[in-house]
Protein backbone atom coordinates (compact mmCIF):
# COMPACT_ATOMS: atom_id res chain seq x y z
CA MET A 1 43.55 -115.55 3.59
CA PRO A 2 41.32 -117.97 5.51
CA TYR A 3 39.80 -116.12 8.56
CA THR A 4 40.57 -118.83 11.01
CA ALA A 5 44.10 -117.06 10.79
CA HIS A 6 45.24 -115.22 14.06
CA ILE A 7 42.91 -112.76 15.19
CA ASP A 8 43.59 -109.57 17.12
CA ARG A 9 40.72 -109.21 19.54
CA PHE A 10 41.55 -105.95 21.10
CA ALA A 11 38.38 -104.31 19.49
CA ALA A 12 36.19 -107.26 20.55
CA ASP A 13 37.72 -107.36 23.98
CA ASN A 14 37.12 -103.83 24.57
CA LEU A 15 33.39 -103.19 23.46
CA PRO A 16 31.36 -101.85 26.04
CA PRO A 17 28.98 -104.43 27.77
CA ARG A 18 25.60 -105.25 25.52
CA GLU A 19 23.78 -103.75 28.67
CA LEU A 20 25.42 -100.78 28.38
CA GLN A 21 24.89 -100.14 24.77
CA ALA A 22 21.22 -98.74 23.31
CA GLN A 23 18.71 -100.53 21.66
CA TYR A 24 19.29 -101.02 18.07
CA LEU A 25 16.78 -101.06 15.36
CA PHE A 26 16.52 -102.71 11.89
CA GLU A 27 13.37 -102.25 10.97
CA LEU A 28 13.49 -101.27 7.33
CA PRO A 29 13.92 -104.26 4.89
CA GLU A 30 17.46 -102.58 3.73
CA LEU A 31 18.63 -103.12 7.22
CA GLN A 32 18.38 -106.62 7.17
CA PHE A 33 22.09 -107.77 6.74
CA PRO A 34 23.79 -110.98 6.31
CA GLU A 35 25.81 -112.73 9.31
CA ARG A 36 29.22 -112.40 6.99
CA LEU A 37 29.78 -108.94 5.83
CA ASN A 38 32.72 -106.82 4.49
CA CYS A 39 31.58 -103.27 3.89
CA ALA A 40 34.48 -102.84 1.55
CA HIS A 41 33.10 -105.41 -0.84
CA GLU A 42 29.71 -103.97 -0.71
CA LEU A 43 30.79 -100.47 -1.59
CA LEU A 44 33.82 -101.34 -4.11
CA ASP A 45 34.29 -104.93 -5.33
CA LYS A 46 30.47 -105.17 -5.99
CA HIS A 47 30.46 -102.44 -8.39
CA VAL A 48 33.46 -104.01 -10.63
CA LEU A 49 31.80 -107.60 -10.12
CA GLU A 50 28.49 -106.43 -11.29
CA GLY A 51 30.19 -104.67 -14.66
CA ARG A 52 30.09 -100.91 -13.30
CA GLY A 53 34.38 -100.94 -13.26
CA GLU A 54 34.61 -98.29 -15.53
CA ARG A 55 32.27 -95.84 -13.97
CA PRO A 56 34.24 -92.78 -12.60
CA CYS A 57 34.85 -93.14 -9.08
CA VAL A 58 37.50 -90.53 -7.65
CA HIS A 59 38.53 -87.38 -9.21
CA ALA A 60 41.14 -85.12 -7.78
CA PRO A 61 43.41 -82.38 -9.38
CA GLY A 62 45.36 -84.09 -12.44
CA LEU A 63 43.88 -87.34 -11.39
CA SER A 64 40.54 -89.60 -12.33
CA TRP A 65 40.05 -93.23 -11.14
CA SER A 66 37.26 -95.64 -12.15
CA TYR A 67 35.86 -98.03 -9.82
CA ALA A 68 38.08 -100.80 -11.25
CA ASP A 69 41.13 -98.53 -10.80
CA LEU A 70 40.66 -97.73 -6.91
CA LEU A 71 39.96 -101.41 -6.44
CA GLU A 72 43.27 -102.50 -7.89
CA GLN A 73 44.92 -99.60 -5.50
CA ALA A 74 43.01 -100.98 -2.58
CA ASN A 75 44.19 -104.64 -3.29
CA ARG A 76 47.46 -103.79 -3.52
CA ILE A 77 47.24 -102.04 -0.38
CA ALA A 78 45.75 -104.67 1.36
CA ASN A 79 48.39 -107.22 0.08
CA VAL A 80 51.15 -104.92 1.23
CA LEU A 81 49.62 -104.64 4.78
CA THR A 82 49.15 -108.52 4.93
CA ASN A 83 52.23 -109.94 2.93
CA GLN A 84 54.88 -107.51 3.85
CA LEU A 85 53.68 -105.82 7.26
CA GLY A 86 52.32 -108.64 9.04
CA LEU A 87 48.72 -107.47 9.61
CA VAL A 88 46.24 -109.66 10.94
CA PRO A 89 42.34 -109.26 11.40
CA GLY A 90 41.59 -106.67 13.91
CA ASN A 91 44.85 -104.89 13.84
CA ARG A 92 44.26 -101.14 14.01
CA VAL A 93 45.96 -99.01 11.28
CA LEU A 94 46.13 -95.28 11.59
CA LEU A 95 45.40 -93.41 8.45
CA PHE A 96 46.79 -89.66 8.34
CA GLY A 97 46.26 -87.67 5.55
CA PRO A 98 44.24 -84.79 4.00
CA ASN A 99 41.28 -85.67 1.54
CA ASN A 100 42.99 -87.17 -1.48
CA PRO A 101 42.95 -90.58 -3.50
CA MET A 102 45.45 -92.52 -1.58
CA MET A 103 43.62 -91.71 1.66
CA VAL A 104 40.62 -93.42 0.18
CA ALA A 105 42.62 -96.14 -1.20
CA SER A 106 44.25 -96.87 1.90
CA TRP A 107 40.64 -96.97 3.90
CA PHE A 108 39.51 -99.67 1.76
CA GLY A 109 42.79 -101.47 1.75
CA VAL A 110 42.64 -101.81 5.49
CA VAL A 111 38.95 -102.70 5.64
CA LYS A 112 39.30 -105.24 2.93
CA ALA A 113 42.39 -106.90 4.98
CA GLY A 114 40.00 -107.13 8.26
CA GLY A 115 41.87 -104.14 9.79
CA ILE A 116 40.34 -101.41 11.65
CA ALA A 117 40.91 -98.10 10.06
CA VAL A 118 41.84 -95.23 12.53
CA ALA A 119 41.53 -91.73 10.39
CA ALA A 120 43.34 -88.89 11.97
CA MET A 121 42.53 -85.35 10.35
CA PRO A 122 45.73 -83.57 8.88
CA LEU A 123 45.97 -80.68 11.18
CA LEU A 124 46.62 -82.87 14.24
CA ARG A 125 50.36 -82.75 15.56
CA ALA A 126 52.46 -85.40 17.09
CA LYS A 127 51.23 -85.28 20.60
CA GLU A 128 47.42 -85.77 19.49
CA ILE A 129 48.45 -88.36 17.06
CA SER A 130 50.49 -90.08 19.83
CA ALA A 131 46.99 -90.23 21.98
CA ILE A 132 45.11 -91.76 19.31
CA VAL A 133 47.65 -94.23 18.82
CA ASP A 134 47.76 -95.14 22.35
CA ILE A 135 43.99 -95.24 22.89
CA ALA A 136 43.36 -97.41 20.13
CA GLN A 137 46.92 -99.43 20.36
CA VAL A 138 47.42 -98.78 16.63
CA SER A 139 50.14 -101.35 15.29
CA HIS A 140 50.42 -99.89 11.52
CA ALA A 141 50.30 -96.43 9.78
CA LEU A 142 50.05 -95.37 6.29
CA CYS A 143 50.46 -91.65 6.18
CA ASP A 144 50.96 -88.88 3.53
CA GLU A 145 54.46 -87.61 2.93
CA ALA A 146 53.31 -84.13 3.59
CA LEU A 147 52.79 -85.34 7.42
CA ARG A 148 56.18 -87.17 7.83
CA VAL A 149 57.57 -84.99 10.45
CA GLU A 150 54.54 -85.18 12.99
CA MET A 151 53.92 -88.82 12.25
CA SER A 152 57.87 -89.66 12.81
CA ALA A 153 57.60 -87.72 16.18
CA ALA A 154 54.50 -89.75 17.04
CA GLN A 155 56.20 -93.01 15.94
CA GLU A 156 58.90 -92.24 18.47
CA ARG A 157 56.56 -92.02 21.49
CA CYS A 158 54.19 -94.82 20.78
CA ALA A 159 55.51 -98.62 21.67
CA SER A 160 52.79 -100.28 19.92
CA LEU A 161 53.21 -98.56 16.25
CA LYS A 162 55.67 -100.77 14.24
CA SER A 163 54.98 -100.09 10.86
CA VAL A 164 54.77 -96.72 9.15
CA ARG A 165 54.50 -96.34 5.21
CA TYR A 166 54.25 -93.13 3.43
CA PHE A 167 52.38 -92.31 0.64
CA ASN A 168 52.13 -89.68 -2.17
CA THR A 169 55.95 -89.86 -1.65
CA ARG A 170 56.75 -88.18 -5.14
CA ARG A 171 55.27 -85.04 -3.81
CA ASP A 172 57.49 -82.35 -2.34
CA GLY A 173 60.49 -83.83 -4.34
CA GLY A 174 60.38 -87.31 -2.46
CA ALA A 175 61.46 -90.41 -4.34
CA GLN A 176 59.01 -92.92 -4.79
CA ASP A 177 61.61 -95.75 -4.26
CA LYS A 178 62.17 -94.99 -0.30
CA THR A 179 62.12 -98.02 1.56
CA ASP A 180 59.10 -96.51 3.55
CA SER A 181 57.21 -95.89 0.24
CA LEU A 182 53.63 -97.36 0.32
CA GLU A 183 53.51 -96.65 -3.61
CA ALA A 184 56.87 -98.64 -3.97
CA ALA A 185 55.72 -101.51 -1.99
CA MET A 186 52.32 -101.78 -3.90
CA GLN A 187 54.37 -102.40 -7.15
CA SER A 188 55.57 -105.94 -6.14
CA GLU A 189 51.96 -106.69 -5.10
CA PRO A 190 49.16 -108.52 -7.09
CA SER A 191 46.00 -106.29 -8.24
CA THR A 192 43.85 -108.92 -6.84
CA PHE A 193 43.11 -109.69 -3.05
CA ASP A 194 40.53 -112.26 -1.41
CA ASN A 195 38.62 -109.88 0.87
CA ILE A 196 38.51 -111.00 4.90
CA PRO A 197 34.96 -112.62 5.36
CA THR A 198 34.38 -110.59 8.57
CA ALA A 199 31.45 -110.67 10.35
CA ALA A 200 28.84 -107.81 10.07
CA VAL A 201 29.48 -107.06 13.57
CA ASP A 202 33.32 -106.89 13.46
CA THR A 203 34.78 -103.58 14.04
CA CYS A 204 36.00 -101.97 10.72
CA MET A 205 36.74 -98.24 12.04
CA PHE A 206 37.15 -96.16 14.90
CA GLY A 207 36.08 -92.76 14.72
CA PHE A 208 37.94 -90.30 17.08
CA THR A 209 35.15 -87.51 18.72
CA SER A 210 36.57 -84.02 17.15
CA GLY A 211 37.30 -82.68 20.40
CA THR A 212 34.93 -79.71 21.30
CA THR A 213 35.26 -80.42 24.85
CA GLY A 214 39.21 -81.10 24.41
CA VAL A 215 39.18 -84.89 25.61
CA PRO A 216 38.82 -87.51 22.88
CA LYS A 217 37.12 -90.67 22.76
CA ALA A 218 37.17 -93.28 20.36
CA THR A 219 33.83 -94.79 18.74
CA MET A 220 33.50 -98.24 17.49
CA HIS A 221 31.85 -98.88 14.33
CA PHE A 222 30.74 -102.21 12.87
CA HIS A 223 30.81 -103.13 8.71
CA ARG A 224 26.86 -103.28 9.49
CA ASP A 225 27.16 -99.73 10.83
CA VAL A 226 29.00 -98.45 7.51
CA MET A 227 26.19 -100.00 5.25
CA ALA A 228 23.39 -99.01 7.57
CA VAL A 229 24.38 -95.26 7.34
CA CYS A 230 24.31 -95.66 3.81
CA ALA A 231 20.95 -97.42 3.81
CA CYS A 232 19.40 -94.39 5.81
CA PHE A 233 19.95 -90.76 5.32
CA PRO A 234 21.28 -91.00 1.56
CA ARG A 235 18.31 -93.30 0.42
CA HIS A 236 15.55 -91.73 2.29
CA VAL A 237 16.45 -87.86 2.47
CA LEU A 238 19.56 -87.02 0.09
CA ARG A 239 18.28 -89.08 -3.16
CA ALA A 240 21.29 -88.46 -4.98
CA GLN A 241 21.78 -90.31 -8.27
CA PRO A 242 24.58 -92.46 -9.91
CA ASP A 243 25.71 -89.47 -12.19
CA ASP A 244 26.25 -86.94 -9.27
CA VAL A 245 29.69 -86.13 -8.11
CA PHE A 246 30.02 -85.57 -4.34
CA MET A 247 32.20 -82.74 -2.88
CA GLY A 248 32.73 -81.18 0.31
CA SER A 249 35.08 -79.73 3.04
CA PRO A 250 34.93 -82.02 5.82
CA PRO A 251 38.06 -84.41 6.41
CA ILE A 252 37.16 -87.75 5.20
CA ALA A 253 38.81 -88.59 8.88
CA PHE A 254 35.78 -86.99 10.23
CA THR A 255 32.72 -89.36 9.91
CA PHE A 256 30.57 -86.48 8.69
CA GLY A 257 33.24 -86.39 5.75
CA LEU A 258 33.99 -89.98 5.27
CA GLY A 259 29.79 -90.49 4.82
CA GLY A 260 29.41 -87.57 2.63
CA LEU A 261 32.37 -87.65 0.58
CA VAL A 262 33.01 -91.59 0.22
CA LEU A 263 30.53 -93.81 1.64
CA PHE A 264 27.50 -92.50 0.44
CA PRO A 265 28.52 -91.83 -3.37
CA MET A 266 30.04 -95.23 -3.50
CA SER A 267 27.04 -96.77 -2.17
CA ILE A 268 25.25 -95.75 -5.14
CA GLY A 269 27.79 -96.02 -7.75
CA ALA A 270 28.39 -92.26 -7.96
CA SER A 271 31.86 -90.48 -7.86
CA LEU A 272 33.63 -87.94 -5.69
CA ALA A 273 36.14 -85.32 -6.25
CA LEU A 274 38.49 -84.53 -3.52
CA ILE A 275 40.96 -81.27 -2.67
CA GLU A 276 43.19 -81.00 0.15
CA LYS A 277 42.48 -77.48 1.06
CA VAL A 278 39.29 -76.66 1.16
CA GLY A 279 38.02 -73.14 2.40
CA PRO A 280 34.91 -71.62 0.71
CA GLN A 281 36.79 -70.37 -2.43
CA GLN A 282 38.54 -73.49 -3.10
CA LEU A 283 35.19 -75.20 -2.86
CA VAL A 284 33.56 -73.04 -5.28
CA ASP A 285 36.47 -73.47 -7.49
CA GLY A 286 36.36 -77.04 -7.07
CA ILE A 287 32.41 -77.24 -7.71
CA GLU A 288 33.20 -75.66 -10.97
CA GLN A 289 36.08 -77.74 -11.99
CA PHE A 290 34.75 -81.20 -11.16
CA GLY A 291 31.08 -80.41 -11.90
CA ALA A 292 30.43 -81.33 -8.34
CA SER A 293 26.36 -81.57 -7.71
CA VAL A 294 26.20 -82.51 -4.22
CA VAL A 295 27.97 -80.73 -1.52
CA PHE A 296 28.73 -81.34 2.26
CA THR A 297 29.89 -78.59 4.34
CA ALA A 298 29.08 -76.46 7.52
CA PRO A 299 27.04 -73.44 8.05
CA THR A 300 29.75 -70.97 7.97
CA SER A 301 31.13 -72.07 4.73
CA TYR A 302 27.66 -71.78 2.96
CA ARG A 303 27.35 -68.29 4.48
CA ALA A 304 30.67 -67.14 2.52
CA MET A 305 30.00 -68.97 -0.49
CA SER A 306 26.82 -67.19 -0.71
CA GLN A 307 28.78 -64.39 -2.05
CA GLN A 308 29.09 -65.97 -4.89
CA GLY A 309 25.63 -67.28 -5.71
CA GLU A 310 25.84 -65.84 -9.66
CA ARG A 311 28.74 -68.27 -10.06
CA LEU A 312 27.22 -71.17 -8.28
CA ARG A 313 23.76 -70.94 -10.24
CA LYS A 314 25.79 -71.70 -13.50
CA THR A 315 27.06 -74.87 -12.24
CA ARG A 316 25.82 -78.58 -11.85
CA LEU A 317 25.34 -78.18 -7.87
CA ARG A 318 21.89 -79.17 -6.93
CA LYS A 319 22.01 -80.83 -3.56
CA CYS A 320 23.64 -79.16 -0.44
CA VAL A 321 23.80 -80.85 3.06
CA SER A 322 24.80 -78.75 6.24
CA ALA A 323 25.72 -80.45 9.40
CA GLY A 324 28.44 -80.27 12.18
CA GLU A 325 26.74 -77.15 13.73
CA ALA A 326 23.44 -75.45 13.98
CA LEU A 327 22.39 -74.15 10.61
CA PRO A 328 21.18 -70.49 11.35
CA ALA A 329 17.76 -69.82 9.58
CA SER A 330 19.46 -66.55 8.18
CA THR A 331 21.93 -68.71 6.63
CA ARG A 332 19.53 -70.88 4.84
CA ALA A 333 17.55 -68.17 3.58
CA LEU A 334 21.01 -66.48 2.37
CA TRP A 335 22.03 -69.72 0.77
CA LYS A 336 18.36 -69.80 -0.94
CA GLU A 337 18.39 -66.38 -2.29
CA ALA A 338 21.89 -66.60 -3.95
CA THR A 339 21.79 -70.14 -5.33
CA GLY A 340 18.28 -71.11 -5.63
CA ILE A 341 18.86 -74.23 -3.49
CA GLU A 342 17.17 -75.41 -0.27
CA ILE A 343 19.81 -76.49 2.34
CA ILE A 344 19.52 -80.24 3.56
CA ASP A 345 20.15 -79.70 7.21
CA GLY A 346 20.81 -82.31 9.47
CA ILE A 347 22.25 -83.58 12.91
CA GLY A 348 24.67 -86.58 13.45
CA SER A 349 27.39 -87.46 15.54
CA THR A 350 30.37 -89.37 15.70
CA GLU A 351 28.96 -91.83 18.18
CA MET A 352 26.12 -92.46 15.79
CA LEU A 353 28.50 -92.54 12.57
CA HIS A 354 26.14 -89.84 10.59
CA ILE A 355 23.11 -88.06 10.40
CA PHE A 356 19.94 -89.37 12.23
CA VAL A 357 17.60 -86.51 12.12
CA SER A 358 17.34 -84.04 8.88
CA HIS A 359 14.55 -83.62 6.25
CA ARG A 360 14.03 -83.49 2.35
CA GLU A 361 14.39 -79.99 0.54
CA GLU A 362 10.55 -79.98 0.04
CA GLU A 363 9.92 -80.44 3.90
CA ALA A 364 12.38 -77.65 5.28
CA ARG A 365 11.44 -75.08 7.73
CA PRO A 366 13.66 -72.29 8.94
CA GLY A 367 15.24 -72.99 12.17
CA ALA A 368 14.21 -76.87 12.22
CA THR A 369 16.42 -79.41 11.89
CA GLY A 370 13.76 -81.90 10.61
CA LYS A 371 12.26 -85.21 11.74
CA ALA A 372 13.87 -88.70 12.24
CA VAL A 373 15.69 -90.26 9.60
CA PRO A 374 13.99 -93.18 8.33
CA GLY A 375 15.59 -96.10 10.40
CA TYR A 376 15.96 -94.10 13.11
CA ARG A 377 13.65 -92.84 16.23
CA ALA A 378 14.12 -89.69 18.14
CA LYS A 379 12.29 -87.77 21.02
CA VAL A 380 12.67 -85.14 23.34
CA VAL A 381 12.78 -86.04 27.21
CA ASP A 382 13.34 -84.53 30.70
CA ASP A 383 15.96 -85.46 33.09
CA ASP A 384 14.18 -88.57 34.22
CA GLY A 385 13.88 -89.98 30.71
CA LEU A 386 10.06 -89.37 30.14
CA GLU A 387 9.05 -87.79 26.85
CA VAL A 388 8.24 -84.03 27.52
CA PRO A 389 5.02 -82.60 25.69
CA ALA A 390 5.26 -80.62 22.23
CA GLY A 391 7.13 -77.36 22.84
CA THR A 392 9.17 -78.07 25.69
CA VAL A 393 12.85 -78.19 25.86
CA GLY A 394 14.44 -81.32 26.71
CA LYS A 395 17.13 -83.55 25.85
CA LEU A 396 17.25 -85.35 22.42
CA VAL A 397 17.75 -89.08 22.61
CA VAL A 398 18.03 -91.15 19.68
CA GLN A 399 17.81 -95.12 18.54
CA GLY A 400 18.27 -96.65 15.31
CA PRO A 401 20.74 -99.27 13.23
CA THR A 402 23.95 -97.47 14.68
CA GLY A 403 24.48 -96.55 18.43
CA CYS A 404 27.40 -95.59 20.78
CA ARG A 405 30.04 -97.81 21.64
CA TYR A 406 33.03 -96.12 23.27
CA LEU A 407 36.29 -98.04 23.41
CA ASN A 408 36.78 -98.88 26.80
CA ASP A 409 35.54 -95.64 28.03
CA SER A 410 33.83 -94.82 31.08
CA ARG A 411 31.92 -91.95 29.47
CA GLN A 412 29.64 -94.73 27.68
CA THR A 413 27.30 -94.29 30.71
CA LYS A 414 26.90 -90.50 29.93
CA TYR A 415 25.89 -91.24 26.45
CA VAL A 416 23.54 -94.22 26.84
CA HIS A 417 20.89 -94.39 29.08
CA ASN A 418 17.83 -97.05 29.28
CA ASP A 419 18.37 -98.17 25.44
CA TRP A 420 18.49 -94.64 24.06
CA ASN A 421 21.64 -92.70 22.88
CA TYR A 422 21.82 -89.06 24.55
CA THR A 423 23.45 -86.86 22.16
CA GLY A 424 24.06 -84.04 24.36
CA ASP A 425 21.51 -81.62 22.40
CA ALA A 426 18.90 -79.53 23.61
CA TYR A 427 15.82 -79.58 21.50
CA VAL A 428 12.26 -78.98 21.15
CA MET A 429 9.60 -80.94 18.99
CA ASP A 430 6.87 -78.90 17.29
CA ALA A 431 3.20 -80.12 17.26
CA ASP A 432 4.16 -81.40 13.58
CA GLY A 433 7.12 -83.59 14.60
CA TYR A 434 9.88 -81.42 13.53
CA PHE A 435 12.91 -81.09 15.87
CA ILE A 436 14.49 -77.53 16.50
CA TYR A 437 17.75 -77.08 17.73
CA GLN A 438 18.09 -75.21 21.11
CA ALA A 439 21.78 -75.50 22.06
CA ARG A 440 24.29 -78.37 23.50
CA THR A 441 22.56 -79.28 26.74
CA ASP A 442 25.83 -77.86 28.77
CA ASP A 443 25.40 -74.73 26.64
CA MET A 444 22.20 -73.46 27.68
CA ILE A 445 22.21 -70.15 29.51
CA ILE A 446 20.36 -69.75 32.71
CA SER A 447 19.87 -65.93 33.25
CA ALA A 448 17.60 -64.38 36.12
CA GLY A 449 15.36 -67.67 35.71
CA TYR A 450 15.16 -67.46 32.08
CA ASN A 451 16.41 -70.51 29.70
CA ILE A 452 18.16 -68.93 26.70
CA ALA A 453 19.46 -70.80 23.87
CA ALA A 454 22.74 -69.76 22.58
CA PRO A 455 22.27 -70.58 18.87
CA GLU A 456 18.99 -68.46 18.97
CA VAL A 457 21.00 -65.53 20.00
CA GLU A 458 23.65 -66.02 17.49
CA ASP A 459 21.12 -66.56 14.79
CA ALA A 460 19.72 -62.88 15.66
CA LEU A 461 22.98 -61.39 15.35
CA MET A 462 24.07 -62.96 12.43
CA ALA A 463 20.97 -61.24 10.82
CA HIS A 464 22.72 -57.88 11.14
CA GLU A 465 24.60 -56.98 8.19
CA ALA A 466 27.77 -55.75 10.01
CA VAL A 467 28.43 -59.36 11.62
CA ALA A 468 30.37 -61.99 9.77
CA GLU A 469 30.62 -64.43 12.61
CA CYS A 470 29.57 -64.84 16.28
CA ALA A 471 29.24 -67.15 19.26
CA VAL A 472 27.26 -66.88 22.34
CA ILE A 473 27.84 -68.11 25.73
CA GLY A 474 26.71 -67.47 29.12
CA VAL A 475 29.20 -66.04 31.93
CA ALA A 476 28.91 -66.04 35.69
CA ASP A 477 27.03 -62.88 37.08
CA ALA A 478 26.44 -62.14 40.76
CA GLU A 479 22.91 -60.74 40.11
CA ARG A 480 21.55 -62.79 37.32
CA GLY A 481 23.59 -66.14 37.71
CA GLN A 482 24.41 -65.78 34.18
CA ILE A 483 24.46 -63.20 31.44
CA VAL A 484 24.76 -63.51 27.78
CA LYS A 485 28.25 -62.74 26.27
CA ALA A 486 28.32 -62.70 22.24
CA PHE A 487 31.90 -62.96 20.43
CA VAL A 488 31.39 -61.02 17.25
CA VAL A 489 33.45 -61.04 14.21
CA LEU A 490 32.80 -58.16 11.79
CA HIS A 491 32.91 -57.69 8.45
CA ASP A 492 35.58 -55.68 6.84
CA GLY A 493 34.43 -51.91 7.18
CA HIS A 494 32.57 -51.87 10.51
CA ALA A 495 34.36 -50.75 13.83
CA GLY A 496 33.91 -52.86 16.79
CA ASP A 497 33.44 -49.87 19.08
CA ALA A 498 30.60 -49.01 21.70
CA ALA A 499 28.45 -47.82 19.26
CA MET A 500 28.39 -51.10 17.56
CA THR A 501 27.74 -52.62 20.87
CA LEU A 502 24.87 -50.57 21.23
CA ARG A 503 23.32 -51.09 17.77
CA LEU A 504 23.76 -54.92 17.86
CA GLN A 505 22.26 -55.10 21.47
CA GLU A 506 19.31 -53.15 20.37
CA PHE A 507 18.90 -55.40 16.88
CA VAL A 508 18.59 -58.36 19.00
CA LYS A 509 16.03 -57.15 21.29
CA HIS A 510 13.82 -56.26 18.38
CA THR A 511 14.67 -59.78 16.65
CA VAL A 512 13.81 -62.06 19.83
CA ALA A 513 12.65 -61.48 23.32
CA PRO A 514 14.22 -58.51 24.79
CA TYR A 515 15.73 -60.64 27.89
CA LYS A 516 17.85 -62.72 25.21
CA TYR A 517 20.05 -59.70 24.36
CA PRO A 518 23.90 -60.05 24.93
CA ARG A 519 24.62 -58.05 27.91
CA ALA A 520 28.33 -58.29 27.24
CA VAL A 521 29.86 -58.00 23.59
CA GLN A 522 33.33 -58.65 22.90
CA PHE A 523 34.82 -57.95 19.43
CA VAL A 524 37.28 -60.54 18.04
CA THR A 525 39.17 -61.14 14.74
CA SER A 526 38.15 -64.83 14.68
CA LEU A 527 36.35 -67.80 16.72
CA PRO A 528 38.47 -70.89 18.08
CA ARG A 529 37.21 -74.02 16.16
CA THR A 530 38.04 -77.67 15.77
CA ALA A 531 39.72 -78.82 12.59
CA THR A 532 36.13 -79.78 11.39
CA GLY A 533 34.40 -76.53 11.79
CA LYS A 534 33.13 -77.07 14.96
CA LEU A 535 32.82 -74.08 17.47
CA GLN A 536 34.89 -74.62 20.83
CA ARG A 537 32.89 -72.89 23.26
CA PHE A 538 34.99 -74.17 25.95
CA LYS A 539 37.89 -71.97 24.76
CA LEU A 540 35.34 -68.94 24.94
CA GLN A 541 34.59 -69.87 28.34
CA ALA A 542 38.16 -70.14 29.45
CA SER A 543 38.91 -66.59 28.15
CA SER A 544 35.68 -64.85 29.49
């Protein structure tokens, strides 16, 4: 299909003005990209063209695809989109499903056809899907059969959504020859496709923020951005090999999951293992079953899995990446003791696409996130944007080959100031250049004139043997302005009574500065989290 065909300019017309975007850095040789670039070609087609088509690519229960197999599936999907559903370059395509091979094939099919992939996590409901469709003006959707009810309800609400096709339609007793079956439509399409010769700066995906504030935003990422994140963290920090098998818990509809479970392994010709429901137990089982050697998951999952360290020591597991929320020093130590593996901590954001501050295993320091990933710059600044001395709490700001571009959203000016991306995190940089997380900038607790970082108190509480999970917030107090309040989930066998409250308070006083102890403790059975595992502090605030 010639690129001179009709183009949907919605994304191009709704980019933030260049003066409202941060400065971009392309200082590394591997960040020099050609004017024309389709990231699907670089990550998928290229392996087949260069003779690596028979290498394993995607593993799932009862299924294994080579790179050639995935390419054939993606090509057929691209043909369905363009030949049967009338997709033109720039159209937005919703991808709604759990972590499974057809979600991966659909993502590549959309990108090969010049479309914009808009992935949504499977826990979302029709109301939330409708909001995504309306914000992104989605015209097409590819959806897992298991989510048909929510997808159908969303389609009824959304005028822009013209075409929906369902995959995995044989599952749950469905018939593959349904008129809206994607697989049925694929059968009549060729296994080859001429990728749209997109520009490096054409948008290929929208990433929606995971909603810790309750108000989602669409972030816009170019083909160039996808390849840039593959050239930075995985190459310089993770240092995986082509024979590695990647696995993890984050949804591939979340940029942490997309990068860690799809983009990064495919950028080096490695393989990925996908399971749809991934709790700590399923992840341990999957590591054994698929021979996973690289894992991406959140701190809470590492803490839970550490109880099975003896099993994990007998597997191929060798590299473990944590992101999504702060990694407590106690969790790092617990995992290292249980498995012998040093966790690679990192901070990234949907706005920046993936991790921009991290460390290699041999450079890890307890309590520190790390240094700026090669390709990025980071510093800590005050309210006026001036860099603060080492050891001073301030705002983390970042520049690199990626940057925040909200889709037609006035909040762009809150994330980008004076050429820098403001991540919304309070950090300290030590004398050696390591960045140490303090809190989200809106989670810093000020009590009787003291600045108290919620994660520091959480880390102290997590070191107590009775504590399974906890979260700390500041609540209004007439005398002190705010006091520290802890929400605590206890391990089985421990009672959440006044005696336990006192024990925890005394424990924190002897672990960190006494003024940081939680003056209020509430015992709960669980903590509110997003579908990606991020703690929703605003819900705790609302309940206090």
